[in-house]
Structures are given as structure tokens and as C-alpha cells.
Amino acid sequence: MSSGKVVLGVLAGAAAGAILGILFAPEKGTETRKLITQKGEEYADGLKEKFNGLMDDLSKKMDGMHAKVNKMADDAQSSVEEMKTSSN
């Protein structure tokens, strides 16, 4: 299982637990709705941060792979040029 799925599962479970806790708390409906909205916004912000972190990591990995592919292509081209030169 990927770490992204684990993080998402943990955050979803925490959000569900917080919402259930608020719903069963003995407060007015308006207060409960405010708390649900606040907690939802907090969890949404947390998810956005995690998602952005995962996307940054993915971007860095892709940049590294791109550099490796370019180096391999350059090495292959150099080898072909050497073979052309040595065969003449």
C-alpha cells in the first residue's frame, strides 16, 4: 500500500471521528455546525498540505528521472558518434 493512501486513510478516519464526536456533543445546533465547519476546514487544509508535499516529491523524482534519461541519451549518442568515427 502506498504511503499516500495510508496518509489519506488516517486523515479520513480522524475527520470521521472528530465529526462524530462533535455530532454527539451536547451543544446547540448552530454551535455544532460551526465546529463541523471549522474542523472540516482544518482537515481540508491538512489534506492540501499533504497533497502538495506528495506532488513536490513526485516532481523532484520526475526531474531526477528526466535528467537520467537525458544523460543516457547523450551517452548513447556519444557512443554512436565514436563508432562512426572508429569505423571510418
Protein backbone atom coordinates (compact mmCIF):
# COMPACT_ATOMS: atom_id res chain seq x y z
CA MET A 1 0.00 0.00 0.00
CA SER A 2 1.40 3.41 -0.89
CA SER A 3 2.19 5.96 1.79
CA GLY A 4 -0.23 8.41 0.15
CA LYS A 5 -3.12 6.02 0.63
CA VAL A 6 -2.15 5.40 4.24
CA VAL A 7 -1.96 9.12 5.00
CA LEU A 8 -5.28 9.72 3.28
CA GLY A 9 -6.89 6.86 5.22
CA VAL A 10 -5.58 8.12 8.55
CA LEU A 11 -6.76 11.66 7.85
CA ALA A 12 -10.18 10.46 6.71
CA GLY A 13 -10.54 8.35 9.87
CA ALA A 14 -9.53 11.24 12.07
CA ALA A 15 -12.00 13.53 10.29
CA ALA A 16 -14.82 11.00 10.69
CA GLY A 17 -14.02 10.58 14.39
CA ALA A 18 -13.96 14.31 15.00
CA ILE A 19 -17.25 14.84 13.19
CA LEU A 20 -18.94 12.03 15.12
CA GLY A 21 -17.60 13.44 18.38
CA ILE A 22 -18.98 16.86 17.56
CA LEU A 23 -22.34 15.48 16.47
CA PHE A 24 -22.82 13.64 19.76
CA ALA A 25 -21.66 16.57 21.90
CA PRO A 26 -24.42 18.27 23.93
CA GLU A 27 -24.30 21.68 22.23
CA LYS A 28 -26.69 23.81 20.22
CA GLY A 29 -27.13 23.01 16.54
CA THR A 30 -25.59 26.31 15.46
CA GLU A 31 -22.52 25.69 17.60
CA THR A 32 -22.23 22.14 16.30
CA ARG A 33 -22.43 23.34 12.69
CA LYS A 34 -19.72 25.94 13.35
CA LEU A 35 -17.47 23.31 14.89
CA ILE A 36 -18.06 20.93 11.99
CA THR A 37 -17.23 23.69 9.52
CA GLN A 38 -14.07 24.65 11.42
CA LYS A 39 -12.87 21.05 11.72
CA GLY A 40 -13.67 20.40 8.07
CA GLU A 41 -11.62 23.42 7.02
CA GLU A 42 -8.73 22.31 9.24
CA TYR A 43 -8.73 18.82 7.76
CA ALA A 44 -9.08 20.18 4.23
CA ASP A 45 -6.05 22.40 4.81
CA GLY A 46 -4.12 19.43 6.18
CA LEU A 47 -5.03 17.33 3.16
CA LYS A 48 -3.98 20.14 0.82
CA GLU A 49 -0.60 20.37 2.56
CA LYS A 50 -0.07 16.61 2.34
CA PHE A 51 -1.14 16.56 -1.30
CA ASN A 52 1.19 19.44 -2.14
CA GLY A 53 4.04 17.66 -0.34
CA LEU A 54 3.39 14.47 -2.30
CA MET A 55 3.24 16.42 -5.55
CA ASP A 56 6.53 18.17 -4.74
CA ASP A 57 8.18 14.80 -4.04
CA LEU A 58 6.79 13.39 -7.27
CA SER A 59 8.00 16.43 -9.19
CA LYS A 60 11.51 16.05 -7.76
CA LYS A 61 11.57 12.36 -8.67
CA MET A 62 10.37 13.13 -12.19
CA ASP A 63 13.06 15.79 -12.59
CA GLY A 64 15.68 13.26 -11.47
CA MET A 65 14.39 10.67 -13.94
CA HIS A 66 14.35 13.27 -16.70
CA ALA A 67 17.99 14.10 -16.00
CA LYS A 68 18.93 10.40 -16.05
CA VAL A 69 17.13 9.83 -19.34
CA ASN A 70 18.86 12.85 -20.89
CA LYS A 71 22.24 11.59 -19.70
CA MET A 72 21.56 8.13 -21.12
CA ALA A 73 20.53 9.66 -24.45
CA ASP A 74 23.67 11.80 -24.53
CA ASP A 75 25.83 8.78 -23.67
CA ALA A 76 24.16 6.72 -26.41
CA GLN A 77 24.65 9.50 -28.94
CA SER A 78 28.33 9.79 -27.95
CA SER A 79 28.76 6.04 -28.36
CA VAL A 80 27.20 6.14 -31.82
CA GLU A 81 29.45 9.03 -32.82
CA GLU A 82 32.51 7.14 -31.54
CA MET A 83 31.50 4.06 -33.53
CA LYS A 84 31.05 6.14 -36.67
CA THR A 85 34.45 7.76 -36.18
CA SER A 86 36.24 4.50 -35.45
CA SER A 87 34.70 2.68 -38.42
CA ASN A 88 35.91 5.32 -40.87
